[in-house]
Amino acid sequence: MMWRDSIAGFSPSWGAVVMGTGILAVCSKLYSTSLPQLQVLANALTYLNTALFAGIAVPWILRWLMFSRNALSDLNHPVKASFYPTLPVGMMVLACDYLIVIRNLVVAWWLWCVGAVLTLVFGVIVPYNMFKGEHVKLGHINPSWFIPSVGLIVIPVPGGLLLAHTAGIVRDLALLVNIVGWGAGFFTYLALLAICTYRLILHSILPNTLAPTLWINLGPIGAGTVALYNIVKNTMFITDSAKGPLLVFGMLFWGSGMWWFMIAALMTLHYLRKVGLPYTPSWWAFIFPLGAYVIATYKVALVTSSTTIYCVGALLYALLLLLWLTTAIKTFKHKVVEDLLLRRGT
């Protein structure tokens, strides 16, 4: 049956759709202070993202239940495995939607709890499988390897905000998860950054199907800056004298992202000129990392009271919206329209 084949071959990377749509909703909410109409867009995207999450989570779960060999095979694959955290991370981004856009604390709390636990699980299992095996080659290295680290860093993005709504042992546990998430994600990102840079310089150029993953470098930088600011703001034991250096570090971390943005943009233009950039689901790698960086830009603009940085964020938001529209349309065309035509043909 066709539906069984669809579930058996369901890609773990589809969670990136939820990540990208959810981050655009948050960005729209933040910049609605300048353009109130964006509040309507933020609400609509949140409800759309809820439907997308449900539509992706069902086959994701069924694949584990019905075709566990296929799921485990991808989990041991040196490239595909890194995409498994996208759905749990998507849950945490959706938690941000409900926390920031809809302001539904209960839904946000449960989405964060489940998403954070699964992200921690995959954040350990994926590298563990690589460490213990001999199946990983130099050519397998690509920026999608950052995704487990990005997931860990994302934990304190909604989690840091939720600290303000907790107390007692629950707050202690939430703080523990937030600190472990940011610390583990940040330092594993630094290690992987060195490995990935080595591969980009000394090995053959990435295939054009993986070219969009170059934008993933913005993910840990953007999410890391936002997560750090959220922890600093909502953690009482960090004194006022200690907050300053942490905020400055976040600002410098954000600054490094501007360099990566220019590199990613130039490399994308290189692919377009030299080998083309055909649509694949990896196009969703354009969206979430840039969205995380847009939010970080907004945060840095507030901390520094810089109108210039705020305007830079607004321009990046416009690019994000354009990329999301383009990617969403191409995804609908390739994965919905073409599937319907194929079914009619059969």
C-alpha atoms as a PDB file:
ATOM      1  CA  MET A   1       0.000   0.000   0.000  1.00  0.00           C
ATOM      2  CA  MET A   2       1.241   3.479  -0.876  1.00  0.00           C
ATOM      3  CA  TRP A   3       0.685   4.929   2.594  1.00  0.00           C
ATOM      4  CA  ARG A   4       2.842   2.205   4.126  1.00  0.00           C
ATOM      5  CA  ASP A   5       5.614   2.994   1.659  1.00  0.00           C
ATOM      6  CA  SER A   6       5.328   6.676   2.553  1.00  0.00           C
ATOM      7  CA  ILE A   7       5.714   5.913   6.252  1.00  0.00           C
ATOM      8  CA  ALA A   8       8.565   3.459   5.658  1.00  0.00           C
ATOM      9  CA  GLY A   9      10.489   6.085   3.698  1.00  0.00           C
ATOM     10  CA  PHE A  10       9.508   9.069   5.845  1.00  0.00           C
ATOM     11  CA  SER A  11      12.543  11.298   6.313  1.00  0.00           C
ATOM     12  CA  PRO A  12      13.533  12.437   9.819  1.00  0.00           C
ATOM     13  CA  SER A  13      14.428  15.830   8.321  1.00  0.00           C
ATOM     14  CA  TRP A  14      10.766  16.877   7.997  1.00  0.00           C
ATOM     15  CA  GLY A  15      10.879  18.319  11.505  1.00  0.00           C
ATOM     16  CA  ALA A  16      12.810  21.233   9.985  1.00  0.00           C
ATOM     17  CA  VAL A  17       9.502  22.440   8.487  1.00  0.00           C
ATOM     18  CA  VAL A  18       8.119  22.933  12.003  1.00  0.00           C
ATOM     19  CA  MET A  19      11.351  24.587  13.123  1.00  0.00           C
ATOM     20  CA  GLY A  20      11.324  27.037  10.226  1.00  0.00           C
ATOM     21  CA  THR A  21       7.640  27.925  10.339  1.00  0.00           C
ATOM     22  CA  GLY A  22       7.717  28.329  14.106  1.00  0.00           C
ATOM     23  CA  ILE A  23      10.743  30.606  14.120  1.00  0.00           C
ATOM     24  CA  LEU A  24       9.120  32.836  11.484  1.00  0.00           C
ATOM     25  CA  ALA A  25       6.069  33.156  13.750  1.00  0.00           C
ATOM     26  CA  VAL A  26       8.244  34.335  16.650  1.00  0.00           C
ATOM     27  CA  CYS A  27      10.161  36.779  14.444  1.00  0.00           C
ATOM     28  CA  SER A  28       6.878  38.176  13.123  1.00  0.00           C
ATOM     29  CA  LYS A  29       5.628  38.681  16.673  1.00  0.00           C
ATOM     30  CA  LEU A  30       8.787  40.532  17.703  1.00  0.00           C
ATOM     31  CA  TYR A  31       8.770  42.881  14.733  1.00  0.00           C
ATOM     32  CA  SER A  32       5.023  43.514  15.042  1.00  0.00           C
ATOM     33  CA  THR A  33       6.053  46.314  17.411  1.00  0.00           C
ATOM     34  CA  SER A  34       7.081  48.211  14.268  1.00  0.00           C
ATOM     35  CA  LEU A  35       4.465  46.787  11.906  1.00  0.00           C
ATOM     36  CA  PRO A  36       1.308  45.735  13.838  1.00  0.00           C
ATOM     37  CA  GLN A  37      -0.018  43.695  10.897  1.00  0.00           C
ATOM     38  CA  LEU A  38       2.700  41.149  11.592  1.00  0.00           C
ATOM     39  CA  GLN A  39       0.777  40.093  14.719  1.00  0.00           C
ATOM     40  CA  VAL A  40      -1.897  38.590  12.459  1.00  0.00           C
ATOM     41  CA  LEU A  41       0.800  36.761  10.498  1.00  0.00           C
ATOM     42  CA  ALA A  42       2.383  35.488  13.719  1.00  0.00           C
ATOM     43  CA  ASN A  43      -0.951  34.084  14.910  1.00  0.00           C
ATOM     44  CA  ALA A  44      -1.689  32.452  11.556  1.00  0.00           C
ATOM     45  CA  LEU A  45       1.776  30.885  11.395  1.00  0.00           C
ATOM     46  CA  THR A  46       1.406  29.489  14.911  1.00  0.00           C
ATOM     47  CA  TYR A  47      -1.845  27.726  14.046  1.00  0.00           C
ATOM     48  CA  LEU A  48      -0.356  26.529  10.746  1.00  0.00           C
ATOM     49  CA  ASN A  49       2.685  25.258  12.597  1.00  0.00           C
ATOM     50  CA  THR A  50       0.489  23.349  15.042  1.00  0.00           C
ATOM     51  CA  ALA A  51      -1.145  21.560  12.113  1.00  0.00           C
ATOM     52  CA  LEU A  52       2.238  20.912  10.489  1.00  0.00           C
ATOM     53  CA  PHE A  53       3.593  19.451  13.713  1.00  0.00           C
ATOM     54  CA  ALA A  54       0.633  17.073  14.021  1.00  0.00           C
ATOM     55  CA  GLY A  55       0.929  16.057  10.370  1.00  0.00           C
ATOM     56  CA  ILE A  56       4.642  15.330  10.693  1.00  0.00           C
ATOM     57  CA  ALA A  57       4.640  13.780  14.172  1.00  0.00           C
ATOM     58  CA  VAL A  58       2.121  11.068  13.238  1.00  0.00           C
ATOM     59  CA  PRO A  59       4.179   9.415  10.444  1.00  0.00           C
ATOM     60  CA  TRP A  60       7.372  10.073  12.442  1.00  0.00           C
ATOM     61  CA  ILE A  61       5.984   8.018  15.343  1.00  0.00           C
ATOM     62  CA  LEU A  62       4.345   5.384  13.116  1.00  0.00           C
ATOM     63  CA  ARG A  63       7.659   4.780  11.389  1.00  0.00           C
ATOM     64  CA  TRP A  64       9.256   3.906  14.711  1.00  0.00           C
ATOM     65  CA  LEU A  65       6.361   1.582  15.550  1.00  0.00           C
ATOM     66  CA  MET A  66       5.839  -0.065  12.154  1.00  0.00           C
ATOM     67  CA  PHE A  67       9.247   0.168  10.471  1.00  0.00           C
ATOM     68  CA  SER A  68      11.725   0.311  13.313  1.00  0.00           C
ATOM     69  CA  ARG A  69      14.497  -1.163  11.146  1.00  0.00           C
ATOM     70  CA  ASN A  70      14.200   1.739   8.723  1.00  0.00           C
ATOM     71  CA  ALA A  71      14.187   4.234  11.587  1.00  0.00           C
ATOM     72  CA  LEU A  72      17.213   2.631  13.250  1.00  0.00           C
ATOM     73  CA  SER A  73      19.036   2.472   9.932  1.00  0.00           C
ATOM     74  CA  ASP A  74      18.678   6.240   9.542  1.00  0.00           C
ATOM     75  CA  LEU A  75      19.735   6.731  13.168  1.00  0.00           C
ATOM     76  CA  ASN A  76      23.012   4.969  12.374  1.00  0.00           C
ATOM     77  CA  HIS A  77      23.552   6.806   9.090  1.00  0.00           C
ATOM     78  CA  PRO A  78      26.425   9.346   9.249  1.00  0.00           C
ATOM     79  CA  VAL A  79      24.332  12.060   7.552  1.00  0.00           C
ATOM     80  CA  LYS A  80      20.650  11.230   8.057  1.00  0.00           C
ATOM     81  CA  ALA A  81      21.045  10.693  11.813  1.00  0.00           C
ATOM     82  CA  SER A  82      21.777  14.365  12.423  1.00  0.00           C
ATOM     83  CA  PHE A  83      18.285  15.279  11.209  1.00  0.00           C
ATOM     84  CA  TYR A  84      16.492  13.237  13.888  1.00  0.00           C
ATOM     85  CA  PRO A  85      16.555  16.065  16.463  1.00  0.00           C
ATOM     86  CA  THR A  86      14.618  18.351  14.084  1.00  0.00           C
ATOM     87  CA  LEU A  87      11.198  17.190  15.312  1.00  0.00           C
ATOM     88  CA  PRO A  88      12.003  17.556  19.048  1.00  0.00           C
ATOM     89  CA  VAL A  89      13.551  20.947  18.322  1.00  0.00           C
ATOM     90  CA  GLY A  90      10.417  21.764  16.348  1.00  0.00           C
ATOM     91  CA  MET A  91       8.419  21.019  19.492  1.00  0.00           C
ATOM     92  CA  MET A  92      10.463  23.536  21.453  1.00  0.00           C
ATOM     93  CA  VAL A  93      10.092  26.153  18.718  1.00  0.00           C
ATOM     94  CA  LEU A  94       6.357  25.501  18.789  1.00  0.00           C
ATOM     95  CA  ALA A  95       6.560  26.019  22.555  1.00  0.00           C
ATOM     96  CA  CYS A  96       8.018  29.460  21.785  1.00  0.00           C
ATOM     97  CA  ASP A  97       5.052  30.112  19.495  1.00  0.00           C
ATOM     98  CA  TYR A  98       2.579  29.325  22.268  1.00  0.00           C
ATOM     99  CA  LEU A  99       4.608  31.164  24.882  1.00  0.00           C
ATOM    100  CA  ILE A 100       5.381  34.345  22.940  1.00  0.00           C
ATOM    101  CA  VAL A 101       2.650  34.596  20.286  1.00  0.00           C
ATOM    102  CA  ILE A 102      -0.415  32.832  21.734  1.00  0.00           C
ATOM    103  CA  ARG A 103       0.574  33.187  25.408  1.00  0.00           C
ATOM    104  CA  ASN A 104      -0.650  29.732  26.388  1.00  0.00           C
ATOM    105  CA  LEU A 105       1.678  28.725  29.200  1.00  0.00           C
ATOM    106  CA  VAL A 106       0.294  25.209  29.718  1.00  0.00           C
ATOM    107  CA  VAL A 107       0.749  24.085  26.099  1.00  0.00           C
ATOM    108  CA  ALA A 108       4.158  25.754  25.925  1.00  0.00           C
ATOM    109  CA  TRP A 109       5.273  23.996  29.093  1.00  0.00           C
ATOM    110  CA  TRP A 110       4.352  20.493  27.879  1.00  0.00           C
ATOM    111  CA  LEU A 111       5.829  21.023  24.429  1.00  0.00           C
ATOM    112  CA  TRP A 112       9.076  22.192  26.002  1.00  0.00           C
ATOM    113  CA  CYS A 113       9.262  19.296  28.477  1.00  0.00           C
ATOM    114  CA  VAL A 114       8.797  16.570  25.851  1.00  0.00           C
ATOM    115  CA  GLY A 115      10.917  18.351  23.257  1.00  0.00           C
ATOM    116  CA  ALA A 116      13.782  18.970  25.695  1.00  0.00           C
ATOM    117  CA  VAL A 117      13.892  15.328  26.839  1.00  0.00           C
ATOM    118  CA  LEU A 118      13.917  13.992  23.264  1.00  0.00           C
ATOM    119  CA  THR A 119      16.519  16.561  22.246  1.00  0.00           C
ATOM    120  CA  LEU A 120      18.793  15.461  25.088  1.00  0.00           C
ATOM    121  CA  VAL A 121      18.306  11.815  24.063  1.00  0.00           C
ATOM    122  CA  PHE A 122      19.192  12.401  20.417  1.00  0.00           C
ATOM    123  CA  GLY A 123      21.938  14.822  21.435  1.00  0.00           C
ATOM    124  CA  VAL A 124      23.687  11.863  23.080  1.00  0.00           C
ATOM    125  CA  ILE A 125      22.698   8.954  20.813  1.00  0.00           C
ATOM    126  CA  VAL A 126      23.662  10.553  17.486  1.00  0.00           C
ATOM    127  CA  PRO A 127      27.292  11.346  18.391  1.00  0.00           C
ATOM    128  CA  TYR A 128      27.579   8.106  20.388  1.00  0.00           C
ATOM    129  CA  ASN A 129      26.749   6.076  17.272  1.00  0.00           C
ATOM    130  CA  MET A 130      29.405   7.995  15.363  1.00  0.00           C
ATOM    131  CA  PHE A 131      32.010   7.554  18.097  1.00  0.00           C
ATOM    132  CA  LYS A 132      31.617   3.782  18.375  1.00  0.00           C
ATOM    133  CA  GLY A 133      31.369   2.987  14.659  1.00  0.00           C
ATOM    134  CA  GLU A 134      33.809   2.900  11.767  1.00  0.00           C
ATOM    135  CA  HIS A 135      31.284   3.910   9.124  1.00  0.00           C
ATOM    136  CA  VAL A 136      31.955   7.662   9.180  1.00  0.00           C
ATOM    137  CA  LYS A 137      34.193   9.082   6.455  1.00  0.00           C
ATOM    138  CA  LEU A 138      35.593  12.555   5.814  1.00  0.00           C
ATOM    139  CA  GLY A 139      33.140  13.089   2.977  1.00  0.00           C
ATOM    140  CA  HIS A 140      30.204  12.591   5.359  1.00  0.00           C
ATOM    141  CA  ILE A 141      31.088  15.708   7.344  1.00  0.00           C
ATOM    142  CA  ASN A 142      28.720  18.577   6.629  1.00  0.00           C
ATOM    143  CA  PRO A 143      27.033  21.397   8.610  1.00  0.00           C
ATOM    144  CA  SER A 144      23.976  19.219   9.322  1.00  0.00           C
ATOM    145  CA  TRP A 145      26.175  17.676  12.016  1.00  0.00           C
ATOM    146  CA  PHE A 146      25.502  20.883  13.971  1.00  0.00           C
ATOM    147  CA  ILE A 147      21.809  20.007  14.360  1.00  0.00           C
ATOM    148  CA  PRO A 148      22.123  17.926  17.576  1.00  0.00           C
ATOM    149  CA  SER A 149      24.189  20.762  19.084  1.00  0.00           C
ATOM    150  CA  VAL A 150      21.690  23.345  17.853  1.00  0.00           C
ATOM    151  CA  GLY A 151      18.928  21.332  19.502  1.00  0.00           C
ATOM    152  CA  LEU A 152      20.711  21.370  22.830  1.00  0.00           C
ATOM    153  CA  ILE A 153      21.307  25.119  22.589  1.00  0.00           C
ATOM    154  CA  VAL A 154      17.634  25.710  21.734  1.00  0.00           C
ATOM    155  CA  ILE A 155      16.511  24.130  25.024  1.00  0.00           C
ATOM    156  CA  PRO A 156      17.032  27.358  27.028  1.00  0.00           C
ATOM    157  CA  VAL A 157      15.342  29.524  24.361  1.00  0.00           C
ATOM    158  CA  PRO A 158      11.838  28.689  25.626  1.00  0.00           C
ATOM    159  CA  GLY A 159      13.227  27.051  28.768  1.00  0.00           C
ATOM    160  CA  GLY A 160      14.884  30.237  29.973  1.00  0.00           C
ATOM    161  CA  LEU A 161      11.600  32.120  29.621  1.00  0.00           C
ATOM    162  CA  LEU A 162       9.711  29.379  31.451  1.00  0.00           C
ATOM    163  CA  LEU A 163      11.983  29.810  34.489  1.00  0.00           C
ATOM    164  CA  ALA A 164      10.009  32.950  35.319  1.00  0.00           C
ATOM    165  CA  HIS A 165       6.861  30.831  35.657  1.00  0.00           C
ATOM    166  CA  THR A 166       8.218  28.047  37.887  1.00  0.00           C
ATOM    167  CA  ALA A 167       9.250  27.592  41.498  1.00  0.00           C
ATOM    168  CA  GLY A 168      10.718  25.029  43.875  1.00  0.00           C
ATOM    169  CA  ILE A 169      11.974  21.681  42.618  1.00  0.00           C
ATOM    170  CA  VAL A 170      10.396  22.221  39.194  1.00  0.00           C
ATOM    171  CA  ARG A 171      12.402  25.400  38.737  1.00  0.00           C
ATOM    172  CA  ASP A 172      15.583  23.645  39.887  1.00  0.00           C
ATOM    173  CA  LEU A 173      15.055  20.834  37.364  1.00  0.00           C
ATOM    174  CA  ALA A 174      14.240  23.279  34.578  1.00  0.00           C
ATOM    175  CA  LEU A 175      17.344  25.318  35.395  1.00  0.00           C
ATOM    176  CA  LEU A 176      19.466  22.146  35.344  1.00  0.00           C
ATOM    177  CA  VAL A 177      18.148  21.164  31.901  1.00  0.00           C
ATOM    178  CA  ASN A 178      18.701  24.688  30.590  1.00  0.00           C
ATOM    179  CA  ILE A 179      22.291  24.877  31.824  1.00  0.00           C
ATOM    180  CA  VAL A 180      23.172  21.398  30.538  1.00  0.00           C
ATOM    181  CA  GLY A 181      21.525  22.166  27.189  1.00  0.00           C
ATOM    182  CA  TRP A 182      23.412  25.408  26.601  1.00  0.00           C
ATOM    183  CA  GLY A 183      26.751  24.164  27.921  1.00  0.00           C
ATOM    184  CA  ALA A 184      26.717  20.846  26.058  1.00  0.00           C
ATOM    185  CA  GLY A 185      25.383  22.390  22.869  1.00  0.00           C
ATOM    186  CA  PHE A 186      27.798  25.317  22.794  1.00  0.00           C
ATOM    187  CA  PHE A 187      30.996  23.365  23.393  1.00  0.00           C
ATOM    188  CA  THR A 188      30.112  20.475  21.077  1.00  0.00           C
ATOM    189  CA  TYR A 189      29.291  23.106  18.440  1.00  0.00           C
ATOM    190  CA  LEU A 190      32.794  24.566  18.814  1.00  0.00           C
ATOM    191  CA  ALA A 191      34.349  21.122  18.368  1.00  0.00           C
ATOM    192  CA  LEU A 192      32.208  20.329  15.331  1.00  0.00           C
ATOM    193  CA  LEU A 193      32.863  23.769  13.881  1.00  0.00           C
ATOM    194  CA  ALA A 194      36.588  22.991  13.723  1.00  0.00           C
ATOM    195  CA  ILE A 195      35.935  19.609  12.078  1.00  0.00           C
ATOM    196  CA  CYS A 196      33.472  21.025   9.576  1.00  0.00           C
ATOM    197  CA  THR A 197      35.748  23.942   8.661  1.00  0.00           C
ATOM    198  CA  TYR A 198      38.580  21.469   8.070  1.00  0.00           C
ATOM    199  CA  ARG A 199      36.340  19.494   5.701  1.00  0.00           C
ATOM    200  CA  LEU A 200      35.157  22.605   3.842  1.00  0.00           C
ATOM    201  CA  ILE A 201      38.709  23.801   3.254  1.00  0.00           C
ATOM    202  CA  LEU A 202      40.565  20.567   2.471  1.00  0.00           C
ATOM    203  CA  HIS A 203      37.912  18.263   1.001  1.00  0.00           C
ATOM    204  CA  SER A 204      35.777  18.474  -2.121  1.00  0.00           C
ATOM    205  CA  ILE A 205      32.932  20.986  -2.152  1.00  0.00           C
ATOM    206  CA  LEU A 206      29.620  19.871  -0.665  1.00  0.00           C
ATOM    207  CA  PRO A 207      27.130  18.413  -3.182  1.00  0.00           C
ATOM    208  CA  ASN A 208      24.521  20.977  -4.171  1.00  0.00           C
ATOM    209  CA  THR A 209      21.813  18.981  -2.394  1.00  0.00           C
ATOM    210  CA  LEU A 210      23.561  19.832   0.886  1.00  0.00           C
ATOM    211  CA  ALA A 211      24.477  23.409  -0.010  1.00  0.00           C
ATOM    212  CA  PRO A 212      21.640  24.922   2.106  1.00  0.00           C
ATOM    213  CA  THR A 213      23.131  23.262   5.198  1.00  0.00           C
ATOM    214  CA  LEU A 214      25.858  25.921   5.121  1.00  0.00           C
ATOM    215  CA  TRP A 215      23.262  28.235   6.657  1.00  0.00           C
ATOM    216  CA  ILE A 216      22.985  25.933   9.686  1.00  0.00           C
ATOM    217  CA  ASN A 217      26.072  27.680  11.078  1.00  0.00           C
ATOM    218  CA  LEU A 218      23.780  30.584  11.966  1.00  0.00           C
ATOM    219  CA  GLY A 219      21.610  28.282  14.110  1.00  0.00           C
ATOM    220  CA  PRO A 220      23.883  27.730  17.109  1.00  0.00           C
ATOM    221  CA  ILE A 221      25.037  31.361  16.987  1.00  0.00           C
ATOM    222  CA  GLY A 222      21.535  32.826  16.862  1.00  0.00           C
ATOM    223  CA  ALA A 223      19.923  30.358  19.256  1.00  0.00           C
ATOM    224  CA  GLY A 224      22.970  30.451  21.538  1.00  0.00           C
ATOM    225  CA  THR A 225      22.783  34.222  21.884  1.00  0.00           C
ATOM    226  CA  VAL A 226      19.032  34.196  22.567  1.00  0.00           C
ATOM    227  CA  ALA A 227      19.318  31.289  25.014  1.00  0.00           C
ATOM    228  CA  LEU A 228      22.132  32.982  26.934  1.00  0.00           C
ATOM    229  CA  TYR A 229      20.171  36.220  27.231  1.00  0.00           C
ATOM    230  CA  ASN A 230      17.069  34.322  28.404  1.00  0.00           C
ATOM    231  CA  ILE A 231      19.029  32.449  31.078  1.00  0.00           C
ATOM    232  CA  VAL A 232      20.746  35.617  32.306  1.00  0.00           C
ATOM    233  CA  LYS A 233      17.471  37.523  32.499  1.00  0.00           C
ATOM    234  CA  ASN A 234      15.530  34.816  34.334  1.00  0.00           C
ATOM    235  CA  THR A 235      18.174  33.353  36.668  1.00  0.00           C
ATOM    236  CA  MET A 236      18.201  35.065  40.059  1.00  0.00           C
ATOM    237  CA  PHE A 237      21.600  33.843  41.281  1.00  0.00           C
ATOM    238  CA  ILE A 238      23.429  35.674  38.473  1.00  0.00           C
ATOM    239  CA  THR A 239      24.263  39.026  40.016  1.00  0.00           C
ATOM    240  CA  ASP A 240      23.977  42.337  38.180  1.00  0.00           C
ATOM    241  CA  SER A 241      27.767  42.635  38.070  1.00  0.00           C
ATOM    242  CA  ALA A 242      28.014  39.241  36.346  1.00  0.00           C
ATOM    243  CA  LYS A 243      25.278  39.929  33.820  1.00  0.00           C
ATOM    244  CA  GLY A 244      27.281  42.578  31.979  1.00  0.00           C
ATOM    245  CA  PRO A 245      30.117  40.299  30.784  1.00  0.00           C
ATOM    246  CA  LEU A 246      27.623  37.600  29.771  1.00  0.00           C
ATOM    247  CA  LEU A 247      25.599  40.088  27.729  1.00  0.00           C
ATOM    248  CA  VAL A 248      28.786  41.355  26.077  1.00  0.00           C
ATOM    249  CA  PHE A 249      29.810  37.789  25.242  1.00  0.00           C
ATOM    250  CA  GLY A 250      26.399  37.230  23.659  1.00  0.00           C
ATOM    251  CA  MET A 251      26.847  40.381  21.607  1.00  0.00           C
ATOM    252  CA  LEU A 252      30.270  39.220  20.349  1.00  0.00           C
ATOM    253  CA  PHE A 253      28.901  35.732  19.648  1.00  0.00           C
ATOM    254  CA  TRP A 254      26.152  37.380  17.599  1.00  0.00           C
ATOM    255  CA  GLY A 255      28.797  39.398  15.756  1.00  0.00           C
ATOM    256  CA  SER A 256      30.507  36.219  14.557  1.00  0.00           C
ATOM    257  CA  GLY A 257      27.212  35.256  12.933  1.00  0.00           C
ATOM    258  CA  MET A 258      27.370  38.201  10.556  1.00  0.00           C
ATOM    259  CA  TRP A 259      30.556  36.720   9.098  1.00  0.00           C
ATOM    260  CA  TRP A 260      28.856  33.336   8.702  1.00  0.00           C
ATOM    261  CA  PHE A 261      25.869  35.012   7.080  1.00  0.00           C
ATOM    262  CA  MET A 262      28.112  36.560   4.418  1.00  0.00           C
ATOM    263  CA  ILE A 263      29.941  33.256   3.855  1.00  0.00           C
ATOM    264  CA  ALA A 264      26.656  31.341   3.509  1.00  0.00           C
ATOM    265  CA  ALA A 265      25.224  33.940   1.129  1.00  0.00           C
ATOM    266  CA  LEU A 266      28.353  33.970  -1.048  1.00  0.00           C
ATOM    267  CA  MET A 267      28.510  30.162  -1.167  1.00  0.00           C
ATOM    268  CA  THR A 268      24.829  29.992  -2.120  1.00  0.00           C
ATOM    269  CA  LEU A 269      25.470  32.394  -5.000  1.00  0.00           C
ATOM    270  CA  HIS A 270      28.458  30.237  -6.001  1.00  0.00           C
ATOM    271  CA  TYR A 271      26.254  27.153  -6.213  1.00  0.00           C
ATOM    272  CA  LEU A 272      23.599  29.038  -8.192  1.00  0.00           C
ATOM    273  CA  ARG A 273      26.182  30.197 -10.748  1.00  0.00           C
ATOM    274  CA  LYS A 274      28.291  27.038 -11.040  1.00  0.00           C
ATOM    275  CA  VAL A 275      26.176  23.921 -10.438  1.00  0.00           C
ATOM    276  CA  GLY A 276      22.627  25.069  -9.741  1.00  0.00           C
ATOM    277  CA  LEU A 277      20.582  24.650  -6.608  1.00  0.00           C
ATOM    278  CA  PRO A 278      17.651  22.283  -7.271  1.00  0.00           C
ATOM    279  CA  TYR A 279      14.934  22.011  -4.644  1.00  0.00           C
ATOM    280  CA  THR A 280      15.357  19.333  -1.979  1.00  0.00           C
ATOM    281  CA  PRO A 281      13.940  19.186   1.580  1.00  0.00           C
ATOM    282  CA  SER A 282      17.350  20.498   2.697  1.00  0.00           C
ATOM    283  CA  TRP A 283      16.122  23.943   1.581  1.00  0.00           C
ATOM    284  CA  TRP A 284      14.508  24.207   5.010  1.00  0.00           C
ATOM    285  CA  ALA A 285      18.046  24.640   6.321  1.00  0.00           C
ATOM    286  CA  PHE A 286      17.796  28.204   4.993  1.00  0.00           C
ATOM    287  CA  ILE A 287      14.955  29.042   7.376  1.00  0.00           C
ATOM    288  CA  PHE A 288      15.434  28.160  11.047  1.00  0.00           C
ATOM    289  CA  PRO A 289      19.114  29.199  11.330  1.00  0.00           C
ATOM    290  CA  LEU A 290      18.393  32.588   9.760  1.00  0.00           C
ATOM    291  CA  GLY A 291      15.286  32.969  11.935  1.00  0.00           C
ATOM    292  CA  ALA A 292      17.274  32.236  15.083  1.00  0.00           C
ATOM    293  CA  TYR A 293      19.786  34.860  14.003  1.00  0.00           C
ATOM    294  CA  VAL A 294      17.000  37.389  13.386  1.00  0.00           C
ATOM    295  CA  ILE A 295      15.754  36.915  16.960  1.00  0.00           C
ATOM    296  CA  ALA A 296      19.328  37.236  18.264  1.00  0.00           C
ATOM    297  CA  THR A 297      19.692  40.469  16.287  1.00  0.00           C
ATOM    298  CA  TYR A 298      16.490  41.785  17.858  1.00  0.00           C
ATOM    299  CA  LYS A 299      17.777  40.889  21.334  1.00  0.00           C
ATOM    300  CA  VAL A 300      21.173  42.492  20.752  1.00  0.00           C
ATOM    301  CA  ALA A 301      19.479  45.623  19.409  1.00  0.00           C
ATOM    302  CA  LEU A 302      17.465  45.908  22.628  1.00  0.00           C
ATOM    303  CA  VAL A 303      20.483  45.333  24.882  1.00  0.00           C
ATOM    304  CA  THR A 304      22.647  47.843  23.005  1.00  0.00           C
ATOM    305  CA  SER A 305      19.794  50.291  22.275  1.00  0.00           C
ATOM    306  CA  SER A 306      21.078  50.325  18.685  1.00  0.00           C
ATOM    307  CA  THR A 307      18.678  51.481  15.986  1.00  0.00           C
ATOM    308  CA  THR A 308      21.151  50.360  13.331  1.00  0.00           C
ATOM    309  CA  ILE A 309      21.235  46.766  14.612  1.00  0.00           C
ATOM    310  CA  TYR A 310      17.436  46.814  14.869  1.00  0.00           C
ATOM    311  CA  CYS A 311      17.223  47.844  11.198  1.00  0.00           C
ATOM    312  CA  VAL A 312      19.682  45.102  10.245  1.00  0.00           C
ATOM    313  CA  GLY A 313      17.361  42.643  11.980  1.00  0.00           C
ATOM    314  CA  ALA A 314      14.379  44.023  10.068  1.00  0.00           C
ATOM    315  CA  LEU A 315      16.191  43.518   6.749  1.00  0.00           C
ATOM    316  CA  LEU A 316      17.146  39.975   7.748  1.00  0.00           C
ATOM    317  CA  TYR A 317      13.511  39.364   8.708  1.00  0.00           C
ATOM    318  CA  ALA A 318      12.410  40.431   5.206  1.00  0.00           C
ATOM    319  CA  LEU A 319      14.904  37.957   3.720  1.00  0.00           C
ATOM    320  CA  LEU A 320      13.651  35.260   6.089  1.00  0.00           C
ATOM    321  CA  LEU A 321      10.049  35.824   5.015  1.00  0.00           C
ATOM    322  CA  LEU A 322      11.027  35.649   1.341  1.00  0.00           C
ATOM    323  CA  LEU A 323      13.015  32.440   1.836  1.00  0.00           C
ATOM    324  CA  TRP A 324      10.188  30.845   3.826  1.00  0.00           C
ATOM    325  CA  LEU A 325       7.606  31.684   1.147  1.00  0.00           C
ATOM    326  CA  THR A 326       9.854  30.341  -1.614  1.00  0.00           C
ATOM    327  CA  THR A 327      10.685  27.150   0.257  1.00  0.00           C
ATOM    328  CA  ALA A 328       7.091  26.547   1.370  1.00  0.00           C
ATOM    329  CA  ILE A 329       5.774  26.946  -2.181  1.00  0.00           C
ATOM    330  CA  LYS A 330       8.410  24.619  -3.612  1.00  0.00           C
ATOM    331  CA  THR A 331       7.753  22.062  -0.874  1.00  0.00           C
ATOM    332  CA  PHE A 332       4.015  22.144  -1.568  1.00  0.00           C
ATOM    333  CA  LYS A 333       4.651  21.775  -5.293  1.00  0.00           C
ATOM    334  CA  HIS A 334       7.101  18.901  -5.017  1.00  0.00           C
ATOM    335  CA  LYS A 335       5.687  16.959  -2.076  1.00  0.00           C
ATOM    336  CA  VAL A 336       1.949  17.494  -2.403  1.00  0.00           C
ATOM    337  CA  VAL A 337       1.053  18.315  -5.996  1.00  0.00           C
ATOM    338  CA  GLU A 338       3.478  15.826  -7.518  1.00  0.00           C
ATOM    339  CA  ASP A 339       2.348  13.061  -5.119  1.00  0.00           C
ATOM    340  CA  LEU A 340      -1.283  13.654  -6.114  1.00  0.00           C
ATOM    341  CA  LEU A 341      -0.379  13.524  -9.805  1.00  0.00           C
ATOM    342  CA  LEU A 342       1.594  10.316  -9.196  1.00  0.00           C
ATOM    343  CA  ARG A 343      -1.376   8.697  -7.453  1.00  0.00           C
ATOM    344  CA  ARG A 344      -3.705   9.649 -10.294  1.00  0.00           C
ATOM    345  CA  GLY A 345      -1.248   8.201 -12.747  1.00  0.00           C
ATOM    346  CA  THR A 346      -1.223   4.893 -10.912  1.00  0.00           C
END
